[in-house]
mmCIF file of all heavy atoms, coordinates in Angstrom:
data_MODEL
# 
_entry.id   MODEL 
# 
loop_
_atom_site.group_PDB 
_atom_site.id 
_atom_site.type_symbol 
_atom_site.label_atom_id 
_atom_site.label_alt_id 
_atom_site.label_comp_id 
_atom_site.label_asym_id 
_atom_site.label_entity_id 
_atom_site.label_seq_id 
_atom_site.pdbx_PDB_ins_code 
_atom_site.Cartn_x 
_atom_site.Cartn_y 
_atom_site.Cartn_z 
_atom_site.occupancy 
_atom_site.B_iso_or_equiv 
_atom_site.pdbx_formal_charge 
_atom_site.auth_seq_id 
_atom_site.auth_comp_id 
_atom_site.auth_asym_id 
_atom_site.auth_atom_id 
_atom_site.pdbx_PDB_model_num 
ATOM 1   N N   . ARG A 1 1  ? 3.359  1.542   -8.970  1.00 0.00 ? 1  ARG A N   1 
ATOM 2   C CA  . ARG A 1 1  ? 4.805  1.782   -9.477  1.00 0.00 ? 1  ARG A CA  1 
ATOM 3   C C   . ARG A 1 1  ? 4.760  1.631   -10.986 1.00 0.00 ? 1  ARG A C   1 
ATOM 4   O O   . ARG A 1 1  ? 3.852  0.964   -11.490 1.00 0.00 ? 1  ARG A O   1 
ATOM 5   C CB  . ARG A 1 1  ? 5.773  0.957   -8.768  1.00 0.00 ? 1  ARG A CB  1 
ATOM 6   C CG  . ARG A 1 1  ? 5.851  0.879   -7.270  1.00 0.00 ? 1  ARG A CG  1 
ATOM 7   C CD  . ARG A 1 1  ? 6.866  -0.066  -6.684  1.00 0.00 ? 1  ARG A CD  1 
ATOM 8   N NE  . ARG A 1 1  ? 6.578  -1.376  -6.967  1.00 0.00 ? 1  ARG A NE  1 
ATOM 9   C CZ  . ARG A 1 1  ? 7.249  -2.425  -6.430  1.00 0.00 ? 1  ARG A CZ  1 
ATOM 10  N NH1 . ARG A 1 1  ? 8.099  -2.141  -5.479  1.00 0.00 ? 1  ARG A NH1 1 
ATOM 11  N NH2 . ARG A 1 1  ? 6.951  -3.662  -6.728  1.00 0.00 ? 1  ARG A NH2 1 
ATOM 12  N N   . CYS A 1 2  ? 5.732  2.189   -11.594 1.00 0.00 ? 2  CYS A N   1 
ATOM 13  C CA  . CYS A 1 2  ? 5.903  2.073   -13.007 1.00 0.00 ? 2  CYS A CA  1 
ATOM 14  C C   . CYS A 1 2  ? 7.474  1.669   -13.278 1.00 0.00 ? 2  CYS A C   1 
ATOM 15  O O   . CYS A 1 2  ? 8.354  2.325   -12.831 1.00 0.00 ? 2  CYS A O   1 
ATOM 16  C CB  . CYS A 1 2  ? 5.575  3.315   -13.792 1.00 0.00 ? 2  CYS A CB  1 
ATOM 17  S SG  . CYS A 1 2  ? 5.740  3.214   -15.557 1.00 0.00 ? 2  CYS A SG  1 
ATOM 18  N N   . PHE A 1 3  ? 7.627  0.545   -14.041 1.00 0.00 ? 3  PHE A N   1 
ATOM 19  C CA  . PHE A 1 3  ? 8.872  0.164   -14.494 1.00 0.00 ? 3  PHE A CA  1 
ATOM 20  C C   . PHE A 1 3  ? 9.030  0.242   -15.932 1.00 0.00 ? 3  PHE A C   1 
ATOM 21  O O   . PHE A 1 3  ? 8.049  0.259   -16.605 1.00 0.00 ? 3  PHE A O   1 
ATOM 22  C CB  . PHE A 1 3  ? 9.153  -1.320  -13.997 1.00 0.00 ? 3  PHE A CB  1 
ATOM 23  C CG  . PHE A 1 3  ? 9.040  -1.555  -12.516 1.00 0.00 ? 3  PHE A CG  1 
ATOM 24  C CD1 . PHE A 1 3  ? 7.963  -2.319  -12.022 1.00 0.00 ? 3  PHE A CD1 1 
ATOM 25  C CD2 . PHE A 1 3  ? 9.933  -1.118  -11.680 1.00 0.00 ? 3  PHE A CD2 1 
ATOM 26  C CE1 . PHE A 1 3  ? 7.840  -2.620  -10.705 1.00 0.00 ? 3  PHE A CE1 1 
ATOM 27  C CE2 . PHE A 1 3  ? 9.835  -1.247  -10.244 1.00 0.00 ? 3  PHE A CE2 1 
ATOM 28  C CZ  . PHE A 1 3  ? 8.719  -1.994  -9.794  1.00 0.00 ? 3  PHE A CZ  1 
ATOM 29  N N   . HIS A 1 4  ? 10.289 0.335   -16.418 1.00 0.00 ? 4  HIS A N   1 
ATOM 30  C CA  . HIS A 1 4  ? 10.487 0.407   -17.893 1.00 0.00 ? 4  HIS A CA  1 
ATOM 31  C C   . HIS A 1 4  ? 11.500 -0.728  -18.207 1.00 0.00 ? 4  HIS A C   1 
ATOM 32  O O   . HIS A 1 4  ? 12.503 -0.945  -17.689 1.00 0.00 ? 4  HIS A O   1 
ATOM 33  C CB  . HIS A 1 4  ? 11.141 1.728   -18.225 1.00 0.00 ? 4  HIS A CB  1 
ATOM 34  C CG  . HIS A 1 4  ? 10.169 2.901   -18.001 1.00 0.00 ? 4  HIS A CG  1 
ATOM 35  N ND1 . HIS A 1 4  ? 9.313  3.313   -19.047 1.00 0.00 ? 4  HIS A ND1 1 
ATOM 36  C CD2 . HIS A 1 4  ? 9.941  3.698   -16.910 1.00 0.00 ? 4  HIS A CD2 1 
ATOM 37  C CE1 . HIS A 1 4  ? 8.509  4.385   -18.478 1.00 0.00 ? 4  HIS A CE1 1 
ATOM 38  N NE2 . HIS A 1 4  ? 8.902  4.508   -17.260 1.00 0.00 ? 4  HIS A NE2 1 
ATOM 39  N N   . TRP A 1 5  ? 11.024 -1.479  -19.315 1.00 0.00 ? 5  TRP A N   1 
ATOM 40  C CA  . TRP A 1 5  ? 11.805 -2.593  -19.831 1.00 0.00 ? 5  TRP A CA  1 
ATOM 41  C C   . TRP A 1 5  ? 12.176 -2.354  -21.216 1.00 0.00 ? 5  TRP A C   1 
ATOM 42  O O   . TRP A 1 5  ? 11.345 -2.430  -22.100 1.00 0.00 ? 5  TRP A O   1 
ATOM 43  C CB  . TRP A 1 5  ? 10.991 -3.897  -19.675 1.00 0.00 ? 5  TRP A CB  1 
ATOM 44  C CG  . TRP A 1 5  ? 11.782 -5.129  -19.769 1.00 0.00 ? 5  TRP A CG  1 
ATOM 45  C CD1 . TRP A 1 5  ? 13.024 -5.258  -20.508 1.00 0.00 ? 5  TRP A CD1 1 
ATOM 46  C CD2 . TRP A 1 5  ? 11.450 -6.422  -19.254 1.00 0.00 ? 5  TRP A CD2 1 
ATOM 47  N NE1 . TRP A 1 5  ? 13.396 -6.606  -20.360 1.00 0.00 ? 5  TRP A NE1 1 
ATOM 48  C CE2 . TRP A 1 5  ? 12.504 -7.258  -19.618 1.00 0.00 ? 5  TRP A CE2 1 
ATOM 49  C CE3 . TRP A 1 5  ? 10.380 -6.914  -18.451 1.00 0.00 ? 5  TRP A CE3 1 
ATOM 50  C CZ2 . TRP A 1 5  ? 12.520 -8.674  -19.214 1.00 0.00 ? 5  TRP A CZ2 1 
ATOM 51  C CZ3 . TRP A 1 5  ? 10.433 -8.277  -18.178 1.00 0.00 ? 5  TRP A CZ3 1 
ATOM 52  C CH2 . TRP A 1 5  ? 11.479 -9.059  -18.462 1.00 0.00 ? 5  TRP A CH2 1 
ATOM 53  N N   . ARG A 1 6  ? 13.354 -1.841  -21.445 1.00 0.00 ? 6  ARG A N   1 
ATOM 54  C CA  . ARG A 1 6  ? 13.871 -1.399  -22.756 1.00 0.00 ? 6  ARG A CA  1 
ATOM 55  C C   . ARG A 1 6  ? 14.606 -2.599  -23.444 1.00 0.00 ? 6  ARG A C   1 
ATOM 56  O O   . ARG A 1 6  ? 15.171 -3.388  -22.890 1.00 0.00 ? 6  ARG A O   1 
ATOM 57  C CB  . ARG A 1 6  ? 14.754 -0.168  -22.692 1.00 0.00 ? 6  ARG A CB  1 
ATOM 58  C CG  . ARG A 1 6  ? 14.139 1.035   -22.197 1.00 0.00 ? 6  ARG A CG  1 
ATOM 59  C CD  . ARG A 1 6  ? 15.145 2.094   -21.678 1.00 0.00 ? 6  ARG A CD  1 
ATOM 60  N NE  . ARG A 1 6  ? 15.780 1.588   -20.419 1.00 0.00 ? 6  ARG A NE  1 
ATOM 61  C CZ  . ARG A 1 6  ? 16.612 2.268   -19.754 1.00 0.00 ? 6  ARG A CZ  1 
ATOM 62  N NH1 . ARG A 1 6  ? 17.022 3.529   -20.231 1.00 0.00 ? 6  ARG A NH1 1 
ATOM 63  N NH2 . ARG A 1 6  ? 17.143 1.872   -18.594 1.00 0.00 ? 6  ARG A NH2 1 
ATOM 64  N N   . GLN A 1 7  ? 14.318 -2.683  -24.757 1.00 0.00 ? 7  GLN A N   1 
ATOM 65  C CA  . GLN A 1 7  ? 14.769 -3.722  -25.547 1.00 0.00 ? 7  GLN A CA  1 
ATOM 66  C C   . GLN A 1 7  ? 16.405 -3.825  -25.466 1.00 0.00 ? 7  GLN A C   1 
ATOM 67  O O   . GLN A 1 7  ? 16.975 -2.861  -25.548 1.00 0.00 ? 7  GLN A O   1 
ATOM 68  C CB  . GLN A 1 7  ? 14.392 -3.603  -27.044 1.00 0.00 ? 7  GLN A CB  1 
ATOM 69  C CG  . GLN A 1 7  ? 14.752 -4.772  -27.899 1.00 0.00 ? 7  GLN A CG  1 
ATOM 70  C CD  . GLN A 1 7  ? 14.225 -4.533  -29.351 1.00 0.00 ? 7  GLN A CD  1 
ATOM 71  O OE1 . GLN A 1 7  ? 14.179 -3.427  -29.767 1.00 0.00 ? 7  GLN A OE1 1 
ATOM 72  N NE2 . GLN A 1 7  ? 13.945 -5.670  -29.998 1.00 0.00 ? 7  GLN A NE2 1 
ATOM 73  N N   . GLN A 1 8  ? 16.890 -4.966  -25.254 1.00 0.00 ? 8  GLN A N   1 
ATOM 74  C CA  . GLN A 1 8  ? 18.330 -5.280  -25.139 1.00 0.00 ? 8  GLN A CA  1 
ATOM 75  C C   . GLN A 1 8  ? 18.936 -4.530  -23.997 1.00 0.00 ? 8  GLN A C   1 
ATOM 76  O O   . GLN A 1 8  ? 20.125 -4.418  -24.029 1.00 0.00 ? 8  GLN A O   1 
ATOM 77  C CB  . GLN A 1 8  ? 19.004 -4.921  -26.494 1.00 0.00 ? 8  GLN A CB  1 
ATOM 78  C CG  . GLN A 1 8  ? 18.381 -5.576  -27.685 1.00 0.00 ? 8  GLN A CG  1 
ATOM 79  C CD  . GLN A 1 8  ? 18.398 -7.067  -27.592 1.00 0.00 ? 8  GLN A CD  1 
ATOM 80  O OE1 . GLN A 1 8  ? 19.336 -7.707  -27.088 1.00 0.00 ? 8  GLN A OE1 1 
ATOM 81  N NE2 . GLN A 1 8  ? 17.281 -7.733  -28.146 1.00 0.00 ? 8  GLN A NE2 1 
ATOM 82  N N   . ASN A 1 9  ? 18.175 -4.106  -22.920 1.00 0.00 ? 9  ASN A N   1 
ATOM 83  C CA  . ASN A 1 9  ? 18.761 -3.484  -21.858 1.00 0.00 ? 9  ASN A CA  1 
ATOM 84  C C   . ASN A 1 9  ? 18.901 -4.357  -20.684 1.00 0.00 ? 9  ASN A C   1 
ATOM 85  O O   . ASN A 1 9  ? 17.977 -4.653  -19.989 1.00 0.00 ? 9  ASN A O   1 
ATOM 86  C CB  . ASN A 1 9  ? 17.946 -2.157  -21.476 1.00 0.00 ? 9  ASN A CB  1 
ATOM 87  C CG  . ASN A 1 9  ? 18.696 -1.227  -20.454 1.00 0.00 ? 9  ASN A CG  1 
ATOM 88  O OD1 . ASN A 1 9  ? 19.171 -1.682  -19.515 1.00 0.00 ? 9  ASN A OD1 1 
ATOM 89  N ND2 . ASN A 1 9  ? 18.756 -0.008  -20.930 1.00 0.00 ? 9  ASN A ND2 1 
ATOM 90  N N   . THR A 1 10 ? 20.076 -4.919  -20.512 1.00 0.00 ? 10 THR A N   1 
ATOM 91  C CA  . THR A 1 10 ? 20.174 -5.928  -19.351 1.00 0.00 ? 10 THR A CA  1 
ATOM 92  C C   . THR A 1 10 ? 20.140 -5.325  -18.087 1.00 0.00 ? 10 THR A C   1 
ATOM 93  O O   . THR A 1 10 ? 19.731 -5.997  -17.043 1.00 0.00 ? 10 THR A O   1 
ATOM 94  C CB  . THR A 1 10 ? 21.652 -6.583  -19.556 1.00 0.00 ? 10 THR A CB  1 
ATOM 95  O OG1 . THR A 1 10 ? 22.646 -5.568  -19.591 1.00 0.00 ? 10 THR A OG1 1 
ATOM 96  C CG2 . THR A 1 10 ? 21.639 -7.352  -20.821 1.00 0.00 ? 10 THR A CG2 1 
ATOM 97  N N   . SER A 1 11 ? 20.460 -3.990  -17.885 1.00 0.00 ? 11 SER A N   1 
ATOM 98  C CA  . SER A 1 11 ? 20.310 -3.403  -16.550 1.00 0.00 ? 11 SER A CA  1 
ATOM 99  C C   . SER A 1 11 ? 18.839 -3.305  -16.149 1.00 0.00 ? 11 SER A C   1 
ATOM 100 O O   . SER A 1 11 ? 18.565 -3.414  -14.918 1.00 0.00 ? 11 SER A O   1 
ATOM 101 C CB  . SER A 1 11 ? 20.907 -1.979  -16.512 1.00 0.00 ? 11 SER A CB  1 
ATOM 102 O OG  . SER A 1 11 ? 20.174 -1.134  -17.393 1.00 0.00 ? 11 SER A OG  1 
ATOM 103 N N   . ASP A 1 12 ? 17.905 -3.213  -17.086 1.00 0.00 ? 12 ASP A N   1 
ATOM 104 C CA  . ASP A 1 12 ? 16.517 -3.128  -16.721 1.00 0.00 ? 12 ASP A CA  1 
ATOM 105 C C   . ASP A 1 12 ? 16.145 -4.462  -16.250 1.00 0.00 ? 12 ASP A C   1 
ATOM 106 O O   . ASP A 1 12 ? 15.248 -4.663  -15.266 1.00 0.00 ? 12 ASP A O   1 
ATOM 107 C CB  . ASP A 1 12 ? 15.670 -2.838  -17.968 1.00 0.00 ? 12 ASP A CB  1 
ATOM 108 C CG  . ASP A 1 12 ? 15.823 -1.339  -18.372 1.00 0.00 ? 12 ASP A CG  1 
ATOM 109 O OD1 . ASP A 1 12 ? 16.308 -0.590  -17.559 1.00 0.00 ? 12 ASP A OD1 1 
ATOM 110 O OD2 . ASP A 1 12 ? 15.243 -0.949  -19.431 1.00 0.00 ? 12 ASP A OD2 1 
ATOM 111 N N   . VAL A 1 13 ? 16.574 -5.593  -16.801 1.00 0.00 ? 13 VAL A N   1 
ATOM 112 C CA  . VAL A 1 13 ? 16.247 -6.940  -16.378 1.00 0.00 ? 13 VAL A CA  1 
ATOM 113 C C   . VAL A 1 13 ? 16.715 -7.147  -14.974 1.00 0.00 ? 13 VAL A C   1 
ATOM 114 O O   . VAL A 1 13 ? 16.025 -7.750  -14.086 1.00 0.00 ? 13 VAL A O   1 
ATOM 115 C CB  . VAL A 1 13 ? 16.843 -8.056  -17.367 1.00 0.00 ? 13 VAL A CB  1 
ATOM 116 C CG1 . VAL A 1 13 ? 16.503 -9.427  -16.840 1.00 0.00 ? 13 VAL A CG1 1 
ATOM 117 C CG2 . VAL A 1 13 ? 16.380 -7.794  -18.736 1.00 0.00 ? 13 VAL A CG2 1 
ATOM 118 N N   . ARG A 1 14 ? 18.061 -6.814  -14.675 1.00 0.00 ? 14 ARG A N   1 
ATOM 119 C CA  . ARG A 1 14 ? 18.570 -6.973  -13.399 1.00 0.00 ? 14 ARG A CA  1 
ATOM 120 C C   . ARG A 1 14 ? 17.773 -6.148  -12.324 1.00 0.00 ? 14 ARG A C   1 
ATOM 121 O O   . ARG A 1 14 ? 17.457 -6.533  -11.235 1.00 0.00 ? 14 ARG A O   1 
ATOM 122 C CB  . ARG A 1 14 ? 20.018 -6.522  -13.350 1.00 0.00 ? 14 ARG A CB  1 
ATOM 123 C CG  . ARG A 1 14 ? 20.981 -7.412  -14.093 1.00 0.00 ? 14 ARG A CG  1 
ATOM 124 C CD  . ARG A 1 14 ? 22.414 -7.153  -13.807 1.00 0.00 ? 14 ARG A CD  1 
ATOM 125 N NE  . ARG A 1 14 ? 22.800 -5.739  -13.902 1.00 0.00 ? 14 ARG A NE  1 
ATOM 126 C CZ  . ARG A 1 14 ? 23.268 -5.321  -15.090 1.00 0.00 ? 14 ARG A CZ  1 
ATOM 127 N NH1 . ARG A 1 14 ? 23.358 -6.098  -16.196 1.00 0.00 ? 14 ARG A NH1 1 
ATOM 128 N NH2 . ARG A 1 14 ? 23.604 -3.938  -15.186 1.00 0.00 ? 14 ARG A NH2 1 
ATOM 129 N N   . HIS A 1 15 ? 17.370 -4.918  -12.780 1.00 0.00 ? 15 HIS A N   1 
ATOM 130 C CA  . HIS A 1 15 ? 16.589 -4.043  -11.889 1.00 0.00 ? 15 HIS A CA  1 
ATOM 131 C C   . HIS A 1 15 ? 15.273 -4.649  -11.495 1.00 0.00 ? 15 HIS A C   1 
ATOM 132 O O   . HIS A 1 15 ? 14.934 -4.706  -10.302 1.00 0.00 ? 15 HIS A O   1 
ATOM 133 C CB  . HIS A 1 15 ? 16.360 -2.707  -12.630 1.00 0.00 ? 15 HIS A CB  1 
ATOM 134 C CG  . HIS A 1 15 ? 15.228 -1.917  -12.143 1.00 0.00 ? 15 HIS A CG  1 
ATOM 135 N ND1 . HIS A 1 15 ? 15.117 -1.457  -10.864 1.00 0.00 ? 15 HIS A ND1 1 
ATOM 136 C CD2 . HIS A 1 15 ? 14.071 -1.438  -12.761 1.00 0.00 ? 15 HIS A CD2 1 
ATOM 137 C CE1 . HIS A 1 15 ? 14.088 -0.663  -10.690 1.00 0.00 ? 15 HIS A CE1 1 
ATOM 138 N NE2 . HIS A 1 15 ? 13.408 -0.733  -11.751 1.00 0.00 ? 15 HIS A NE2 1 
ATOM 139 N N   . MET A 1 16 ? 14.591 -5.251  -12.482 1.00 0.00 ? 16 MET A N   1 
ATOM 140 C CA  . MET A 1 16 ? 13.346 -5.923  -12.221 1.00 0.00 ? 16 MET A CA  1 
ATOM 141 C C   . MET A 1 16 ? 13.455 -7.207  -11.401 1.00 0.00 ? 16 MET A C   1 
ATOM 142 O O   . MET A 1 16 ? 12.665 -7.552  -10.491 1.00 0.00 ? 16 MET A O   1 
ATOM 143 C CB  . MET A 1 16 ? 12.613 -6.138  -13.502 1.00 0.00 ? 16 MET A CB  1 
ATOM 144 C CG  . MET A 1 16 ? 12.254 -4.859  -14.184 1.00 0.00 ? 16 MET A CG  1 
ATOM 145 S SD  . MET A 1 16 ? 11.095 -5.178  -15.555 1.00 0.00 ? 16 MET A SD  1 
ATOM 146 C CE  . MET A 1 16 ? 9.680  -5.736  -14.684 1.00 0.00 ? 16 MET A CE  1 
ATOM 147 N N   . ALA A 1 17 ? 14.499 -7.937  -11.735 1.00 0.00 ? 17 ALA A N   1 
ATOM 148 C CA  . ALA A 1 17 ? 14.827 -9.155  -10.849 1.00 0.00 ? 17 ALA A CA  1 
ATOM 149 C C   . ALA A 1 17 ? 15.128 -8.822  -9.396  1.00 0.00 ? 17 ALA A C   1 
ATOM 150 O O   . ALA A 1 17 ? 14.623 -9.533  -8.507  1.00 0.00 ? 17 ALA A O   1 
ATOM 151 C CB  . ALA A 1 17 ? 15.918 -9.977  -11.548 1.00 0.00 ? 17 ALA A CB  1 
ATOM 152 N N   . ARG A 1 18 ? 15.965 -7.794  -9.214  1.00 0.00 ? 18 ARG A N   1 
ATOM 153 C CA  . ARG A 1 18 ? 16.239 -7.402  -7.817  1.00 0.00 ? 18 ARG A CA  1 
ATOM 154 C C   . ARG A 1 18 ? 15.003 -6.967  -7.152  1.00 0.00 ? 18 ARG A C   1 
ATOM 155 O O   . ARG A 1 18 ? 14.749 -7.325  -5.981  1.00 0.00 ? 18 ARG A O   1 
ATOM 156 C CB  . ARG A 1 18 ? 17.248 -6.269  -7.840  1.00 0.00 ? 18 ARG A CB  1 
ATOM 157 C CG  . ARG A 1 18 ? 18.728 -6.646  -8.118  1.00 0.00 ? 18 ARG A CG  1 
ATOM 158 C CD  . ARG A 1 18 ? 19.743 -5.519  -7.805  1.00 0.00 ? 18 ARG A CD  1 
ATOM 159 N NE  . ARG A 1 18 ? 19.464 -4.291  -8.540  1.00 0.00 ? 18 ARG A NE  1 
ATOM 160 C CZ  . ARG A 1 18 ? 19.999 -4.074  -9.743  1.00 0.00 ? 18 ARG A CZ  1 
ATOM 161 N NH1 . ARG A 1 18 ? 20.788 -4.926  -10.328 1.00 0.00 ? 18 ARG A NH1 1 
ATOM 162 N NH2 . ARG A 1 18 ? 19.746 -2.904  -10.369 1.00 0.00 ? 18 ARG A NH2 1 
ATOM 163 N N   . THR A 1 19 ? 14.154 -6.208  -7.865  1.00 0.00 ? 19 THR A N   1 
ATOM 164 C CA  . THR A 1 19 ? 12.867 -5.775  -7.207  1.00 0.00 ? 19 THR A CA  1 
ATOM 165 C C   . THR A 1 19 ? 11.952 -7.035  -6.880  1.00 0.00 ? 19 THR A C   1 
ATOM 166 O O   . THR A 1 19 ? 11.378 -7.090  -5.789  1.00 0.00 ? 19 THR A O   1 
ATOM 167 C CB  . THR A 1 19 ? 12.120 -4.865  -8.111  1.00 0.00 ? 19 THR A CB  1 
ATOM 168 O OG1 . THR A 1 19 ? 12.903 -3.708  -8.432  1.00 0.00 ? 19 THR A OG1 1 
ATOM 169 C CG2 . THR A 1 19 ? 10.807 -4.390  -7.458  1.00 0.00 ? 19 THR A CG2 1 
ATOM 170 N N   . MET A 1 20 ? 12.033 -7.997  -7.697  1.00 0.00 ? 20 MET A N   1 
ATOM 171 C CA  . MET A 1 20 ? 11.152 -9.177  -7.508  1.00 0.00 ? 20 MET A CA  1 
ATOM 172 C C   . MET A 1 20 ? 11.561 -10.011 -6.392  1.00 0.00 ? 20 MET A C   1 
ATOM 173 O O   . MET A 1 20 ? 10.885 -10.525 -5.590  1.00 0.00 ? 20 MET A O   1 
ATOM 174 C CB  . MET A 1 20 ? 11.204 -9.973  -8.760  1.00 0.00 ? 20 MET A CB  1 
ATOM 175 C CG  . MET A 1 20 ? 10.353 -11.240 -8.783  1.00 0.00 ? 20 MET A CG  1 
ATOM 176 S SD  . MET A 1 20 ? 10.350 -11.989 -10.435 1.00 0.00 ? 20 MET A SD  1 
ATOM 177 C CE  . MET A 1 20 ? 9.092  -11.175 -11.336 1.00 0.00 ? 20 MET A CE  1 
ATOM 178 N N   . ALA A 1 21 ? 12.909 -10.045 -6.202  1.00 0.00 ? 21 ALA A N   1 
ATOM 179 C CA  . ALA A 1 21 ? 13.547 -10.824 -5.143  1.00 0.00 ? 21 ALA A CA  1 
ATOM 180 C C   . ALA A 1 21 ? 13.721 -10.112 -3.824  1.00 0.00 ? 21 ALA A C   1 
ATOM 181 O O   . ALA A 1 21 ? 14.279 -10.678 -2.834  1.00 0.00 ? 21 ALA A O   1 
ATOM 182 C CB  . ALA A 1 21 ? 14.953 -11.349 -5.584  1.00 0.00 ? 21 ALA A CB  1 
ATOM 183 N N   . GLY A 1 22 ? 13.268 -8.856  -3.725  1.00 0.00 ? 22 GLY A N   1 
ATOM 184 C CA  . GLY A 1 22 ? 13.551 -8.099  -2.531  1.00 0.00 ? 22 GLY A CA  1 
ATOM 185 C C   . GLY A 1 22 ? 14.912 -7.678  -2.212  1.00 0.00 ? 22 GLY A C   1 
ATOM 186 O O   . GLY A 1 22 ? 15.317 -7.501  -1.091  1.00 0.00 ? 22 GLY A O   1 
ATOM 187 N N   . LYS A 1 23 ? 15.738 -7.623  -3.305  1.00 0.00 ? 23 LYS A N   1 
ATOM 188 C CA  . LYS A 1 23 ? 17.107 -7.288  -3.284  1.00 0.00 ? 23 LYS A CA  1 
ATOM 189 C C   . LYS A 1 23 ? 17.524 -5.935  -3.993  1.00 0.00 ? 23 LYS A C   1 
ATOM 190 O O   . LYS A 1 23 ? 18.499 -5.599  -4.212  1.00 0.00 ? 23 LYS A O   1 
ATOM 191 C CB  . LYS A 1 23 ? 17.998 -8.310  -3.965  1.00 0.00 ? 23 LYS A CB  1 
ATOM 192 C CG  . LYS A 1 23 ? 18.019 -9.674  -3.161  1.00 0.00 ? 23 LYS A CG  1 
ATOM 193 C CD  . LYS A 1 23 ? 18.802 -10.724 -3.860  1.00 0.00 ? 23 LYS A CD  1 
ATOM 194 C CE  . LYS A 1 23 ? 19.022 -12.069 -3.091  1.00 0.00 ? 23 LYS A CE  1 
ATOM 195 N NZ  . LYS A 1 23 ? 19.779 -11.954 -1.921  1.00 0.00 ? 23 LYS A NZ  1 
ATOM 196 N N   . SER A 1 24 ? 16.347 -5.193  -4.157  1.00 0.00 ? 24 SER A N   1 
ATOM 197 C CA  . SER A 1 24 ? 16.520 -3.913  -4.739  1.00 0.00 ? 24 SER A CA  1 
ATOM 198 C C   . SER A 1 24 ? 17.238 -2.892  -3.867  1.00 0.00 ? 24 SER A C   1 
ATOM 199 O O   . SER A 1 24 ? 17.305 -3.189  -2.577  1.00 0.00 ? 24 SER A O   1 
ATOM 200 C CB  . SER A 1 24 ? 15.216 -3.326  -5.161  1.00 0.00 ? 24 SER A CB  1 
ATOM 201 O OG  . SER A 1 24 ? 14.315 -3.363  -4.179  1.00 0.00 ? 24 SER A OG  1 
ATOM 202 N N   . VAL A 1 25 ? 17.830 -1.793  -4.347  1.00 0.00 ? 25 VAL A N   1 
ATOM 203 C CA  . VAL A 1 25 ? 18.604 -0.858  -3.511  1.00 0.00 ? 25 VAL A CA  1 
ATOM 204 C C   . VAL A 1 25 ? 17.992 0.513   -3.828  1.00 0.00 ? 25 VAL A C   1 
ATOM 205 O O   . VAL A 1 25 ? 17.799 0.961   -4.909  1.00 0.00 ? 25 VAL A O   1 
ATOM 206 C CB  . VAL A 1 25 ? 20.085 -0.844  -3.880  1.00 0.00 ? 25 VAL A CB  1 
ATOM 207 C CG1 . VAL A 1 25 ? 20.847 0.198   -3.004  1.00 0.00 ? 25 VAL A CG1 1 
ATOM 208 C CG2 . VAL A 1 25 ? 20.726 -2.199  -3.773  1.00 0.00 ? 25 VAL A CG2 1 
ATOM 209 N N   . GLY A 1 26 ? 17.607 1.215   -2.735  1.00 0.00 ? 26 GLY A N   1 
ATOM 210 C CA  . GLY A 1 26 ? 16.958 2.538   -2.853  1.00 0.00 ? 26 GLY A CA  1 
ATOM 211 C C   . GLY A 1 26 ? 17.911 3.501   -2.290  1.00 0.00 ? 26 GLY A C   1 
ATOM 212 O O   . GLY A 1 26 ? 18.868 3.228   -1.516  1.00 0.00 ? 26 GLY A O   1 
ATOM 213 N N   . LEU A 1 27 ? 17.762 4.769   -2.808  1.00 0.00 ? 27 LEU A N   1 
ATOM 214 C CA  . LEU A 1 27 ? 18.591 5.876   -2.403  1.00 0.00 ? 27 LEU A CA  1 
ATOM 215 C C   . LEU A 1 27 ? 17.666 7.038   -2.052  1.00 0.00 ? 27 LEU A C   1 
ATOM 216 O O   . LEU A 1 27 ? 16.886 7.464   -2.871  1.00 0.00 ? 27 LEU A O   1 
ATOM 217 C CB  . LEU A 1 27 ? 19.593 6.241   -3.439  1.00 0.00 ? 27 LEU A CB  1 
ATOM 218 C CG  . LEU A 1 27 ? 20.464 7.488   -3.197  1.00 0.00 ? 27 LEU A CG  1 
ATOM 219 C CD1 . LEU A 1 27 ? 21.492 7.210   -2.052  1.00 0.00 ? 27 LEU A CD1 1 
ATOM 220 C CD2 . LEU A 1 27 ? 21.256 7.934   -4.528  1.00 0.00 ? 27 LEU A CD2 1 
ATOM 221 N N   . VAL A 1 28 ? 17.937 7.598   -0.814  1.00 0.00 ? 28 VAL A N   1 
ATOM 222 C CA  . VAL A 1 28 ? 17.201 8.828   -0.361  1.00 0.00 ? 28 VAL A CA  1 
ATOM 223 C C   . VAL A 1 28 ? 18.112 9.875   -0.003  1.00 0.00 ? 28 VAL A C   1 
ATOM 224 O O   . VAL A 1 28 ? 19.152 9.690   0.664   1.00 0.00 ? 28 VAL A O   1 
ATOM 225 C CB  . VAL A 1 28 ? 16.230 8.549   0.759   1.00 0.00 ? 28 VAL A CB  1 
ATOM 226 C CG1 . VAL A 1 28 ? 16.871 8.089   2.017   1.00 0.00 ? 28 VAL A CG1 1 
ATOM 227 C CG2 . VAL A 1 28 ? 15.311 9.723   0.976   1.00 0.00 ? 28 VAL A CG2 1 
ATOM 228 N N   . LEU A 1 29 ? 17.966 11.097  -0.486  1.00 0.00 ? 29 LEU A N   1 
ATOM 229 C CA  . LEU A 1 29 ? 18.842 12.237  -0.335  1.00 0.00 ? 29 LEU A CA  1 
ATOM 230 C C   . LEU A 1 29 ? 18.198 13.404  0.368   1.00 0.00 ? 29 LEU A C   1 
ATOM 231 O O   . LEU A 1 29 ? 17.103 13.816  -0.007  1.00 0.00 ? 29 LEU A O   1 
ATOM 232 C CB  . LEU A 1 29 ? 19.478 12.704  -1.617  1.00 0.00 ? 29 LEU A CB  1 
ATOM 233 C CG  . LEU A 1 29 ? 20.137 11.562  -2.510  1.00 0.00 ? 29 LEU A CG  1 
ATOM 234 C CD1 . LEU A 1 29 ? 20.555 12.242  -3.845  1.00 0.00 ? 29 LEU A CD1 1 
ATOM 235 C CD2 . LEU A 1 29 ? 21.347 11.024  -1.764  1.00 0.00 ? 29 LEU A CD2 1 
# 
C-alpha cells in the first residue's frame, strides 16, 4: 500500500492512525 502524509494535514494523521488501530473505513461501489 501507499499512504501520503502532507505537511500540516491533520486528516492524513487521522487516516494513518485509524489504519494503524484497525479503525479505518473502506468504501466499495
